[in-house]
Amino acid sequence: MITNFRLWPESASSVAGGVDLLFLILLVVCTAVSVGIAAFLIYSAIRYHRKSPNELGTQTRYNIPAEVTWTVVPFIFFMAVFVWGAKLYFEIQRPPDNAMSIYVVGKQWMWKVQHLEGQREINEIHIPVGRPVKLIMTSEDVIHDFFVPAFRTKQDVLPDRYTTTWFEATTPGKYHLFCSQYCGTKHSGMIGWIYALTPVDYQRWLTQGAPEGSLASTGEKYFHQFGCANCHHFNNQGRCPDLRNLYMRPVLLTTGKTIIADDSYIREKLHDPDAQVPWGFSANVMPNFTGVVTEEQILALISYIKALGPQPGTQEPSSSGAAPAEYGTQKGIGGPGATSNAGSQVEKR
């Protein structure tokens, strides 16, 4: 006997309703068109079948009104569906500015989660209801896929790069998490749960604390443990750039190109330090940390670097290929006026 049967999957995120409505309209329209065409074919086969072996039928050509109708009407409908779907896609792919960040690492065969406050989880994610949550994800081995049916969220998790997805839970509860990309012999066991808590319950969960402190403070420990502080001085006098005010700021490279120092850029500098060298600095200085730092340690280091700078959008990139004046005096990164020490900034965050 079937119990707890659901005709429609549960819906528990802010975008789930829009996804369901678009899917339902496409399903109804395509079903109606298919049934209509099938019914017309059956009717035509019965109504116009040959009644004698020598009977010849007549054919009407160039019915302009009919041809225009079956061309224009479907075109308008599907263009409207395209605009609607594109709007919904961009809404799903662009996290709100006020979204809280959580880091996720996929590994055969588990999901490892790190919160900025320091909490770590495996195959579980605790989130507050009514607040956008942005997941920054990467894989340690093969391609995985982060899939939460109740949130209508599905995003590939790739090795050697970061992908993001976001959702906002609307109903407290426990929701299934899957890997929907075959990733090895125990792929079916790569599952977990997302716990959507009320704001009060979520704060209570946070107060349980993290024994190692915040993710940024853990990254500060790694920053000194791996010798980063030996070259990245906070007085603009080191052999490598000053990392204060770096995160999400424009960086002028020796090639004249300007890029944004986001998570992917920082990760790449650890694995391939000579790939994109900032203006005013030399290659073959920073060591390659491939095989030395884990993905979780990289995430902690990125979180620490985030804590060293202001919010994004405080400096505009140079429009020309020439190096601006501050790149000569401040060695490209860090910006003028960055004088506060690293430890105090981490504590403030």
Protein backbone atom coordinates (compact mmCIF):
# COMPACT_ATOMS: atom_id res chain seq x y z
CA MET A 1 0.00 0.00 0.00
CA ILE A 2 1.35 3.40 -1.01
CA THR A 3 1.54 5.92 1.82
CA ASN A 4 2.39 9.63 1.80
CA PHE A 5 1.76 9.80 -1.94
CA ARG A 6 2.49 13.22 -3.47
CA LEU A 7 1.17 14.22 -6.88
CA TRP A 8 3.42 17.28 -6.78
CA PRO A 9 6.77 17.58 -4.94
CA GLU A 10 6.90 19.77 -1.86
CA SER A 11 7.76 23.42 -2.44
CA ALA A 12 9.82 25.28 0.16
CA SER A 13 11.81 28.09 -1.48
CA SER A 14 11.11 31.56 -2.84
CA VAL A 15 11.68 30.51 -6.48
CA ALA A 16 9.92 27.13 -6.33
CA GLY A 17 6.50 28.61 -7.11
CA GLY A 18 7.74 30.33 -10.28
CA VAL A 19 9.53 27.20 -11.49
CA ASP A 20 6.45 25.05 -10.84
CA LEU A 21 4.11 27.47 -12.62
CA LEU A 22 6.33 27.66 -15.72
CA PHE A 23 6.67 23.89 -15.83
CA LEU A 24 2.92 23.37 -15.36
CA ILE A 25 1.99 25.80 -18.15
CA LEU A 26 4.46 24.15 -20.56
CA LEU A 27 3.14 20.72 -19.59
CA VAL A 28 -0.50 21.71 -20.10
CA VAL A 29 0.08 23.53 -23.41
CA CYS A 30 2.32 20.82 -24.90
CA THR A 31 -0.14 18.12 -23.79
CA ALA A 32 -3.08 20.02 -25.29
CA VAL A 33 -1.26 20.55 -28.59
CA SER A 34 -0.16 16.91 -28.77
CA VAL A 35 -3.66 15.62 -27.99
CA GLY A 36 -5.19 18.07 -30.47
CA ILE A 37 -2.85 16.99 -33.27
CA ALA A 38 -3.47 13.31 -32.52
CA ALA A 39 -7.25 13.86 -32.48
CA PHE A 40 -7.11 15.78 -35.76
CA LEU A 41 -5.10 12.98 -37.40
CA ILE A 42 -7.59 10.34 -36.24
CA TYR A 43 -10.53 12.45 -37.39
CA SER A 44 -8.91 13.12 -40.79
CA ALA A 45 -8.10 9.42 -41.28
CA ILE A 46 -11.75 8.49 -40.67
CA ARG A 47 -13.41 11.43 -42.43
CA TYR A 48 -11.27 11.54 -45.56
CA HIS A 49 -10.28 7.91 -46.10
CA ARG A 50 -10.54 6.62 -49.67
CA LYS A 51 -13.96 5.09 -50.29
CA SER A 52 -13.11 3.36 -53.55
CA PRO A 53 -9.82 2.22 -55.13
CA ASN A 54 -10.18 4.71 -58.01
CA GLU A 55 -11.15 7.74 -55.93
CA LEU A 56 -8.81 10.72 -56.19
CA GLY A 57 -8.71 13.37 -53.55
CA THR A 58 -8.42 17.13 -54.00
CA GLN A 59 -5.75 19.30 -52.42
CA THR A 60 -5.98 22.96 -51.49
CA ARG A 61 -2.71 24.89 -51.72
CA TYR A 62 -1.58 28.24 -50.37
CA ASN A 63 -4.04 28.77 -47.55
CA ILE A 64 -2.34 31.95 -46.39
CA PRO A 65 -4.51 32.67 -43.31
CA ALA A 66 -4.01 29.15 -41.94
CA GLU A 67 -0.25 29.17 -42.59
CA VAL A 68 0.18 32.57 -40.95
CA THR A 69 -1.87 31.48 -37.96
CA TRP A 70 0.03 28.27 -37.22
CA THR A 71 3.33 30.12 -37.65
CA VAL A 72 2.72 33.39 -35.80
CA VAL A 73 0.66 32.13 -32.85
CA PRO A 74 3.18 29.45 -31.72
CA PHE A 75 6.04 31.90 -32.31
CA ILE A 76 4.46 34.52 -30.02
CA PHE A 77 3.68 31.93 -27.35
CA PHE A 78 7.13 30.38 -27.27
CA MET A 79 8.86 33.76 -27.32
CA ALA A 80 6.75 34.74 -24.30
CA VAL A 81 7.76 31.50 -22.59
CA PHE A 82 11.41 32.20 -23.48
CA VAL A 83 11.30 35.68 -21.92
CA TRP A 84 9.58 34.29 -18.83
CA GLY A 85 12.06 31.42 -18.52
CA ALA A 86 15.06 33.73 -19.06
CA LYS A 87 13.82 36.11 -16.36
CA LEU A 88 13.37 33.19 -13.96
CA TYR A 89 16.80 31.79 -14.89
CA PHE A 90 18.58 35.07 -14.15
CA GLU A 91 16.70 35.34 -10.86
CA ILE A 92 17.90 31.86 -9.88
CA GLN A 93 21.49 32.44 -11.03
CA ARG A 94 22.03 35.84 -9.36
CA PRO A 95 22.20 35.69 -5.56
CA PRO A 96 20.85 38.75 -3.72
CA ASP A 97 23.47 41.12 -2.32
CA ASN A 98 22.35 40.40 1.23
CA ALA A 99 22.70 36.62 0.92
CA MET A 100 24.69 34.86 3.64
CA SER A 101 27.56 32.71 2.31
CA ILE A 102 28.20 29.07 3.08
CA TYR A 103 31.05 27.04 1.58
CA VAL A 104 30.43 23.51 0.29
CA VAL A 105 33.03 20.97 -0.83
CA GLY A 106 31.90 17.85 -2.68
CA LYS A 107 33.99 14.73 -2.19
CA GLN A 108 33.42 11.07 -2.96
CA TRP A 109 30.98 10.54 -1.36
CA MET A 110 29.93 13.31 0.99
CA TRP A 111 29.14 17.00 1.26
CA LYS A 112 31.46 18.96 3.55
CA VAL A 113 30.05 22.29 4.72
CA GLN A 114 31.76 25.27 6.37
CA HIS A 115 29.92 28.26 7.82
CA LEU A 116 31.58 31.65 8.18
CA GLU A 117 30.91 31.50 11.91
CA GLY A 118 33.12 28.38 12.08
CA GLN A 119 30.56 25.57 12.27
CA ARG A 120 31.35 22.54 10.16
CA GLU A 121 28.89 19.94 8.94
CA ILE A 122 28.94 16.78 6.84
CA ASN A 123 25.90 15.95 4.71
CA GLU A 124 23.88 18.53 6.64
CA ILE A 125 23.28 22.26 6.25
CA HIS A 126 21.46 24.38 8.80
CA ILE A 127 19.98 27.58 7.38
CA PRO A 128 17.52 30.23 8.58
CA VAL A 129 14.07 30.61 7.03
CA GLY A 130 13.39 33.88 5.22
CA ARG A 131 17.01 34.75 4.51
CA PRO A 132 18.80 34.21 1.16
CA VAL A 133 21.63 31.70 1.38
CA LYS A 134 24.46 31.63 -1.17
CA LEU A 135 26.48 28.43 -1.54
CA ILE A 136 30.03 28.67 -2.90
CA MET A 137 30.93 25.17 -4.03
CA THR A 138 33.85 23.18 -5.40
CA SER A 139 34.84 19.53 -5.72
CA GLU A 140 37.92 17.71 -4.47
CA ASP A 141 37.76 14.97 -7.11
CA VAL A 142 35.09 14.49 -9.80
CA ILE A 143 32.01 16.35 -11.00
CA HIS A 144 29.17 16.32 -8.49
CA ASP A 145 25.77 18.01 -8.60
CA PHE A 146 24.07 19.78 -5.71
CA PHE A 147 20.34 19.08 -5.95
CA VAL A 148 17.58 20.04 -3.51
CA PRO A 149 14.21 19.10 -5.07
CA ALA A 150 12.11 21.05 -2.55
CA PHE A 151 14.04 24.24 -3.38
CA ARG A 152 14.10 23.55 -7.16
CA THR A 153 17.86 24.04 -6.94
CA LYS A 154 20.36 22.09 -9.04
CA GLN A 155 23.95 23.16 -9.72
CA ASP A 156 27.06 21.32 -10.95
CA VAL A 157 29.96 21.19 -8.48
CA LEU A 158 33.22 21.10 -10.42
CA PRO A 159 36.85 20.43 -9.52
CA ASP A 160 39.37 23.29 -9.83
CA ARG A 161 36.76 26.04 -9.89
CA TYR A 162 33.93 27.56 -7.88
CA THR A 163 30.26 27.48 -8.77
CA THR A 164 27.46 29.15 -6.85
CA THR A 165 23.78 28.66 -6.22
CA TRP A 166 21.34 30.30 -3.84
CA PHE A 167 17.96 29.74 -2.28
CA GLU A 168 15.69 31.21 0.35
CA ALA A 169 13.75 28.71 2.42
CA THR A 170 10.16 29.74 3.07
CA THR A 171 9.00 26.92 5.34
CA PRO A 172 10.79 25.40 8.33
CA GLY A 173 11.52 21.72 7.85
CA LYS A 174 13.94 19.01 6.81
CA TYR A 175 14.65 18.73 3.08
CA HIS A 176 16.50 16.08 1.13
CA LEU A 177 19.83 16.88 -0.54
CA PHE A 178 21.15 14.72 -3.39
CA CYS A 179 24.08 14.45 -5.77
CA SER A 180 22.36 14.17 -9.14
CA GLN A 181 25.54 13.57 -11.18
CA TYR A 182 26.89 10.01 -11.22
CA CYS A 183 30.20 10.28 -9.38
CA GLY A 184 31.32 6.71 -8.62
CA THR A 185 30.33 3.45 -7.03
CA LYS A 186 28.73 5.02 -3.94
CA HIS A 187 26.99 7.83 -5.79
CA SER A 188 23.59 6.78 -4.44
CA GLY A 189 24.87 7.29 -0.89
CA MET A 190 25.94 10.89 -1.46
CA ILE A 191 22.85 12.34 0.15
CA GLY A 192 22.11 14.66 3.03
CA TRP A 193 19.61 17.00 4.63
CA ILE A 194 19.00 20.72 4.77
CA TYR A 195 17.45 21.94 8.00
CA ALA A 196 15.49 25.15 7.53
CA LEU A 197 15.10 26.71 10.98
CA THR A 198 13.18 29.68 12.26
CA PRO A 199 15.44 32.69 12.98
CA VAL A 200 15.23 31.99 16.71
CA ASP A 201 16.12 28.31 16.33
CA TYR A 202 18.92 29.17 13.91
CA GLN A 203 20.47 31.61 16.37
CA ARG A 204 20.18 28.96 19.04
CA TRP A 205 21.99 26.52 16.75
CA LEU A 206 24.73 29.10 16.11
CA THR A 207 25.28 29.63 19.82
CA GLN A 208 26.44 26.05 20.09
CA GLY A 209 29.67 27.56 18.84
CA ALA A 210 32.63 26.29 16.86
CA PRO A 211 35.65 25.01 18.80
CA GLU A 212 38.11 26.52 16.31
CA GLY A 213 36.48 29.94 16.08
CA SER A 214 35.26 31.64 12.92
CA LEU A 215 36.33 30.54 9.45
CA ALA A 216 38.28 33.79 9.02
CA SER A 217 40.23 33.24 12.26
CA THR A 218 41.04 29.70 11.11
CA GLY A 219 42.26 31.17 7.81
CA GLU A 220 44.52 33.57 9.73
CA LYS A 221 46.17 30.57 11.39
CA TYR A 222 46.78 28.96 8.01
CA PHE A 223 48.06 32.30 6.68
CA HIS A 224 50.92 32.12 9.19
CA GLN A 225 51.25 28.32 9.18
CA PHE A 226 51.97 28.17 5.44
CA GLY A 227 54.33 31.16 5.54
CA CYS A 228 52.10 33.58 3.63
CA ALA A 229 52.87 36.34 6.14
CA ASN A 230 56.59 36.14 5.27
CA CYS A 231 55.98 37.85 1.93
CA HIS A 232 52.50 39.37 2.16
CA HIS A 233 53.34 42.11 4.67
CA PHE A 234 50.71 44.58 5.85
CA ASN A 235 52.98 47.59 5.35
CA ASN A 236 53.28 47.42 1.53
CA GLN A 237 56.98 46.49 1.94
CA GLY A 238 56.78 42.77 1.20
CA ARG A 239 57.88 40.90 -1.92
CA CYS A 240 54.24 40.03 -2.59
CA PRO A 241 51.10 42.22 -2.65
CA ASP A 242 49.48 43.57 0.47
CA LEU A 243 46.23 41.61 0.75
CA ARG A 244 44.27 44.26 2.61
CA ASN A 245 41.33 45.60 0.59
CA LEU A 246 41.97 42.93 -2.06
CA TYR A 247 38.77 40.91 -2.16
CA MET A 248 36.46 41.79 -5.08
CA ARG A 249 38.66 44.75 -6.04
CA PRO A 250 40.14 45.27 -9.52
CA VAL A 251 43.72 44.04 -9.95
CA LEU A 252 45.89 45.34 -12.78
CA LEU A 253 48.10 42.59 -14.21
CA THR A 254 51.51 42.84 -15.86
CA THR A 255 49.74 42.09 -19.17
CA GLY A 256 47.73 45.32 -18.84
CA LYS A 257 44.51 43.40 -18.23
CA THR A 258 42.34 44.19 -15.21
CA ILE A 259 40.52 41.40 -13.38
CA ILE A 260 38.47 41.14 -10.20
CA ALA A 261 40.04 39.41 -7.20
CA ASP A 262 37.20 37.02 -6.44
CA ASP A 263 37.26 33.54 -4.90
CA SER A 264 38.41 31.89 -8.13
CA TYR A 265 41.30 34.33 -8.57
CA ILE A 266 42.58 33.74 -5.02
CA ARG A 267 42.29 29.99 -5.45
CA GLU A 268 44.17 30.12 -8.75
CA LYS A 269 47.03 32.08 -7.16
CA LEU A 270 47.55 29.21 -4.72
CA HIS A 271 47.64 26.56 -7.46
CA ASP A 272 49.26 28.56 -10.27
CA PRO A 273 50.87 31.70 -8.79
CA ASP A 274 52.54 32.75 -12.06
CA ALA A 275 49.34 32.65 -14.12
CA GLN A 276 48.18 36.24 -13.50
CA VAL A 277 50.90 38.37 -11.91
CA PRO A 278 49.84 41.78 -10.51
CA TRP A 279 51.44 44.94 -11.87
CA GLY A 280 54.68 45.85 -10.13
CA PHE A 281 55.51 42.30 -9.01
CA SER A 282 57.61 39.51 -10.49
CA ALA A 283 56.82 35.91 -11.35
CA ASN A 284 58.62 32.93 -9.77
CA VAL A 285 58.32 34.39 -6.27
CA MET A 286 55.26 32.74 -4.76
CA PRO A 287 55.47 28.94 -4.28
CA ASN A 288 52.88 26.57 -5.70
CA PHE A 289 50.62 25.17 -2.98
CA THR A 290 49.07 22.38 -5.06
CA GLY A 291 48.96 19.28 -2.88
CA VAL A 292 49.93 21.32 0.18
CA VAL A 293 46.64 22.98 1.10
CA THR A 294 43.25 21.25 1.05
CA GLU A 295 40.06 22.72 -0.37
CA GLU A 296 38.81 23.43 3.16
CA GLN A 297 42.03 25.28 3.99
CA ILE A 298 41.74 27.33 0.80
CA LEU A 299 38.21 28.32 1.77
CA ALA A 300 39.46 29.41 5.19
CA LEU A 301 42.24 31.49 3.60
CA ILE A 302 39.74 33.13 1.25
CA SER A 303 37.49 33.94 4.19
CA TYR A 304 40.45 35.54 5.99
CA ILE A 305 41.33 37.64 2.94
CA LYS A 306 37.68 38.75 2.75
CA ALA A 307 37.98 39.92 6.35
CA LEU A 308 40.98 42.09 5.44
CA GLY A 309 39.10 44.39 3.09
CA PRO A 310 35.98 46.49 2.67
CA GLN A 311 32.84 45.52 0.83
CA PRO A 312 33.02 45.22 -2.99
CA GLY A 313 32.63 48.26 -5.20
CA THR A 314 34.94 50.70 -3.45
CA GLN A 315 37.33 51.16 -6.34
CA GLU A 316 36.81 51.38 -10.07
CA PRO A 317 39.16 49.51 -12.44
CA SER A 318 41.43 51.50 -14.70
CA SER A 319 40.05 51.98 -18.21
CA SER A 320 43.47 52.06 -19.86
CA GLY A 321 46.28 49.58 -20.03
CA ALA A 322 48.68 51.85 -18.17
CA ALA A 323 49.31 51.35 -14.48
CA PRO A 324 47.66 53.99 -12.27
CA ALA A 325 49.81 55.92 -9.83
CA GLU A 326 48.84 53.88 -6.78
CA TYR A 327 50.14 50.72 -8.45
CA GLY A 328 53.59 52.18 -8.42
CA THR A 329 53.52 53.26 -4.80
CA GLN A 330 51.31 50.61 -3.24
CA LYS A 331 52.56 47.75 -5.48
CA GLY A 332 49.28 47.05 -7.16
CA ILE A 333 47.09 45.69 -4.39
CA GLY A 334 45.99 46.95 -1.04
CA GLY A 335 45.12 50.48 -2.04
CA PRO A 336 46.14 53.71 -0.42
CA GLY A 337 45.23 54.32 3.16
CA ALA A 338 45.02 50.67 4.25
CA THR A 339 46.67 50.91 7.64
CA SER A 340 44.67 48.79 10.09
CA ASN A 341 46.25 45.54 11.23
CA ALA A 342 44.92 42.15 10.13
CA GLY A 343 44.05 40.80 13.54
CA SER A 344 41.74 43.65 14.48
CA GLN A 345 39.88 43.44 11.18
CA VAL A 346 39.23 39.73 11.64
CA GLU A 347 37.87 40.38 15.13
CA LYS A 348 35.55 43.08 13.80
CA ARG A 349 34.10 40.58 11.38
